[in-house]
C-alpha cells in the first residue's frame, strides 16, 4: 500500500488497488481493475501498469485489455523480464518479496 500511495491519495482506492495487486501476484494471473474513477485511478492508468503491472480500465474497454493481457506471459514472468527497472519498480519488487515471498526482480 505504501508504494501505491506515491500515485494515489485516497485510502480506499489504495486498499482496493493493493488487494488487486496481491491477488494478481499470488495467483500469477492477470487482473483488470475496472473502475469509472477518471480523476484518481484511470488518469494514472499507465503508471499503475508500468510500476505494478496492474491494468486499470473503464468498463467499456476491460474486455479489450483482457485480450491483450492474455497474450502476454503471466504477471510474475512478465515483470521478471522487464529491463532497466526504475527505483519505484525496484521498491515494489522488494515489497512483494517481503510480503508475498515472490521474487519479481532477480
C-alpha atoms as a PDB file:
ATOM      1  CA  UNK A   1       0.000   0.000   0.000  1.00  0.00           C
ATOM      2  CA  UNK A   2       2.919   2.315   0.667  1.00  0.00           C
ATOM      3  CA  UNK A   3       4.131   2.086  -2.927  1.00  0.00           C
ATOM      4  CA  UNK A   4       0.694   2.917  -4.321  1.00  0.00           C
ATOM      5  CA  UNK A   5       0.499   5.979  -2.074  1.00  0.00           C
ATOM      6  CA  UNK A   6       3.054   7.689  -4.315  1.00  0.00           C
ATOM      7  CA  UNK A   7       0.406   7.780  -7.085  1.00  0.00           C
ATOM      8  CA  UNK A   8      -2.967   7.587  -5.354  1.00  0.00           C
ATOM      9  CA  UNK A   9      -4.003   9.584  -2.294  1.00  0.00           C
ATOM     10  CA  UNK A  10      -7.438   8.146  -1.478  1.00  0.00           C
ATOM     11  CA  UNK A  11      -7.016   5.458   1.198  1.00  0.00           C
ATOM     12  CA  UNK A  12      -9.986   3.398  -0.023  1.00  0.00           C
ATOM     13  CA  UNK A  13      -8.638   3.393  -3.581  1.00  0.00           C
ATOM     14  CA  UNK A  14      -5.226   2.366  -2.282  1.00  0.00           C
ATOM     15  CA  UNK A  15      -6.693  -0.590  -0.377  1.00  0.00           C
ATOM     16  CA  UNK A  16      -8.673  -1.755  -3.409  1.00  0.00           C
ATOM     17  CA  UNK A  17      -5.706  -1.446  -5.765  1.00  0.00           C
ATOM     18  CA  UNK A  18      -3.382  -3.193  -3.291  1.00  0.00           C
ATOM     19  CA  UNK A  19      -5.864  -6.041  -2.973  1.00  0.00           C
ATOM     20  CA  UNK A  20      -5.968  -6.465  -6.753  1.00  0.00           C
ATOM     21  CA  UNK A  21      -2.161  -6.431  -6.970  1.00  0.00           C
ATOM     22  CA  UNK A  22      -1.788  -9.036  -4.214  1.00  0.00           C
ATOM     23  CA  UNK A  23      -4.406 -11.269  -5.833  1.00  0.00           C
ATOM     24  CA  UNK A  24      -2.698 -10.940  -9.225  1.00  0.00           C
ATOM     25  CA  UNK A  25       0.746 -11.933  -7.974  1.00  0.00           C
ATOM     26  CA  UNK A  26      -0.454 -14.636  -5.568  1.00  0.00           C
ATOM     27  CA  UNK A  27      -2.364 -16.341  -8.384  1.00  0.00           C
ATOM     28  CA  UNK A  28       0.024 -15.281 -11.169  1.00  0.00           C
ATOM     29  CA  UNK A  29      -2.982 -14.381 -13.301  1.00  0.00           C
ATOM     30  CA  UNK A  30      -3.699 -11.025 -14.897  1.00  0.00           C
ATOM     31  CA  UNK A  31      -6.199  -8.804 -13.121  1.00  0.00           C
ATOM     32  CA  UNK A  32      -8.033  -5.887 -14.645  1.00  0.00           C
ATOM     33  CA  UNK A  33      -9.156  -3.315 -12.115  1.00  0.00           C
ATOM     34  CA  UNK A  34     -12.416  -1.988 -13.560  1.00  0.00           C
ATOM     35  CA  UNK A  35     -13.486   1.473 -12.460  1.00  0.00           C
ATOM     36  CA  UNK A  36     -15.134   4.651 -13.648  1.00  0.00           C
ATOM     37  CA  UNK A  37     -12.855   6.806 -11.471  1.00  0.00           C
ATOM     38  CA  UNK A  38     -11.210   9.010 -14.105  1.00  0.00           C
ATOM     39  CA  UNK A  39      -9.873  11.506 -11.593  1.00  0.00           C
ATOM     40  CA  UNK A  40      -7.804   9.325  -9.273  1.00  0.00           C
ATOM     41  CA  UNK A  41      -7.255   5.948 -10.930  1.00  0.00           C
ATOM     42  CA  UNK A  42      -7.759   5.998 -14.686  1.00  0.00           C
ATOM     43  CA  UNK A  43      -5.716   9.174 -15.005  1.00  0.00           C
ATOM     44  CA  UNK A  44      -2.806   7.119 -13.564  1.00  0.00           C
ATOM     45  CA  UNK A  45      -3.534   4.013 -15.640  1.00  0.00           C
ATOM     46  CA  UNK A  46      -0.183   3.931 -17.456  1.00  0.00           C
ATOM     47  CA  UNK A  47       1.853   4.490 -14.305  1.00  0.00           C
ATOM     48  CA  UNK A  48      -0.084   1.820 -12.395  1.00  0.00           C
ATOM     49  CA  UNK A  49       0.678  -0.685 -15.135  1.00  0.00           C
ATOM     50  CA  UNK A  50       4.299   0.369 -15.531  1.00  0.00           C
ATOM     51  CA  UNK A  51       5.094   0.149 -11.805  1.00  0.00           C
ATOM     52  CA  UNK A  52       2.727  -2.552 -10.526  1.00  0.00           C
ATOM     53  CA  UNK A  53       1.746  -4.414 -13.724  1.00  0.00           C
ATOM     54  CA  UNK A  54      -1.882  -3.717 -12.789  1.00  0.00           C
ATOM     55  CA  UNK A  55      -4.133  -2.868 -15.691  1.00  0.00           C
ATOM     56  CA  UNK A  56      -6.893  -0.420 -14.799  1.00  0.00           C
ATOM     57  CA  UNK A  57      -9.749   0.166 -17.191  1.00  0.00           C
ATOM     58  CA  UNK A  58     -13.130   1.706 -17.558  1.00  0.00           C
ATOM     59  CA  UNK A  59     -15.832  -0.943 -18.056  1.00  0.00           C
ATOM     60  CA  UNK A  60     -16.190  -0.462 -21.819  1.00  0.00           C
ATOM     61  CA  UNK A  61     -12.522  -1.308 -22.512  1.00  0.00           C
ATOM     62  CA  UNK A  62     -11.979  -4.116 -19.992  1.00  0.00           C
ATOM     63  CA  UNK A  63     -12.546  -6.950 -22.494  1.00  0.00           C
ATOM     64  CA  UNK A  64     -10.073  -5.412 -24.933  1.00  0.00           C
ATOM     65  CA  UNK A  65      -7.435  -5.162 -22.211  1.00  0.00           C
ATOM     66  CA  UNK A  66      -8.155  -8.753 -21.207  1.00  0.00           C
ATOM     67  CA  UNK A  67      -7.477  -9.964 -24.741  1.00  0.00           C
ATOM     68  CA  UNK A  68      -4.203  -8.035 -24.807  1.00  0.00           C
ATOM     69  CA  UNK A  69      -3.037  -9.229 -21.390  1.00  0.00           C
ATOM     70  CA  UNK A  70      -3.759 -12.888 -22.075  1.00  0.00           C
ATOM     71  CA  UNK A  71      -1.313 -12.703 -24.986  1.00  0.00           C
ATOM     72  CA  UNK A  72       1.457 -11.794 -22.548  1.00  0.00           C
ATOM     73  CA  UNK A  73       3.284 -14.095 -20.175  1.00  0.00           C
ATOM     74  CA  UNK A  74       1.734 -14.367 -16.695  1.00  0.00           C
ATOM     75  CA  UNK A  75       2.374 -11.363 -14.414  1.00  0.00           C
ATOM     76  CA  UNK A  76       5.347 -12.744 -12.489  1.00  0.00           C
ATOM     77  CA  UNK A  77       7.227 -13.789 -15.625  1.00  0.00           C
ATOM     78  CA  UNK A  78       6.224 -10.565 -17.370  1.00  0.00           C
ATOM     79  CA  UNK A  79       7.666  -8.498 -14.529  1.00  0.00           C
ATOM     80  CA  UNK A  80      10.840 -10.579 -14.307  1.00  0.00           C
ATOM     81  CA  UNK A  81      11.586  -9.983 -17.986  1.00  0.00           C
ATOM     82  CA  UNK A  82      11.449  -6.204 -17.716  1.00  0.00           C
ATOM     83  CA  UNK A  83      14.753  -4.415 -18.102  1.00  0.00           C
ATOM     84  CA  UNK A  84      16.135  -1.235 -16.599  1.00  0.00           C
ATOM     85  CA  UNK A  85      13.869  -1.214 -13.564  1.00  0.00           C
ATOM     86  CA  UNK A  86      13.052   2.206 -12.153  1.00  0.00           C
ATOM     87  CA  UNK A  87      13.666   2.862  -8.475  1.00  0.00           C
ATOM     88  CA  UNK A  88       9.918   2.619  -7.852  1.00  0.00           C
ATOM     89  CA  UNK A  89       9.759  -0.764  -9.598  1.00  0.00           C
ATOM     90  CA  UNK A  90      12.721  -1.989  -7.541  1.00  0.00           C
ATOM     91  CA  UNK A  91      10.995  -0.822  -4.355  1.00  0.00           C
ATOM     92  CA  UNK A  92       7.800  -2.600  -5.401  1.00  0.00           C
ATOM     93  CA  UNK A  93       9.771  -5.780  -6.155  1.00  0.00           C
ATOM     94  CA  UNK A  94      11.283  -5.706  -2.662  1.00  0.00           C
ATOM     95  CA  UNK A  95       7.866  -5.208  -1.062  1.00  0.00           C
ATOM     96  CA  UNK A  96       6.400  -8.158  -2.996  1.00  0.00           C
ATOM     97  CA  UNK A  97       9.368 -10.307  -1.985  1.00  0.00           C
ATOM     98  CA  UNK A  98       8.968  -9.397   1.695  1.00  0.00           C
ATOM     99  CA  UNK A  99       5.181  -9.643   1.858  1.00  0.00           C
ATOM    100  CA  UNK A 100       4.377 -12.468  -0.579  1.00  0.00           C
ATOM    101  CA  UNK A 101       7.757 -14.233  -0.805  1.00  0.00           C
ATOM    102  CA  UNK A 102       7.661 -13.830  -4.607  1.00  0.00           C
ATOM    103  CA  UNK A 103      10.784 -12.703  -6.421  1.00  0.00           C
ATOM    104  CA  UNK A 104       9.916 -10.314  -9.251  1.00  0.00           C
ATOM    105  CA  UNK A 105      13.334  -8.778  -9.744  1.00  0.00           C
ATOM    106  CA  UNK A 106      16.287 -11.131  -9.981  1.00  0.00           C
END
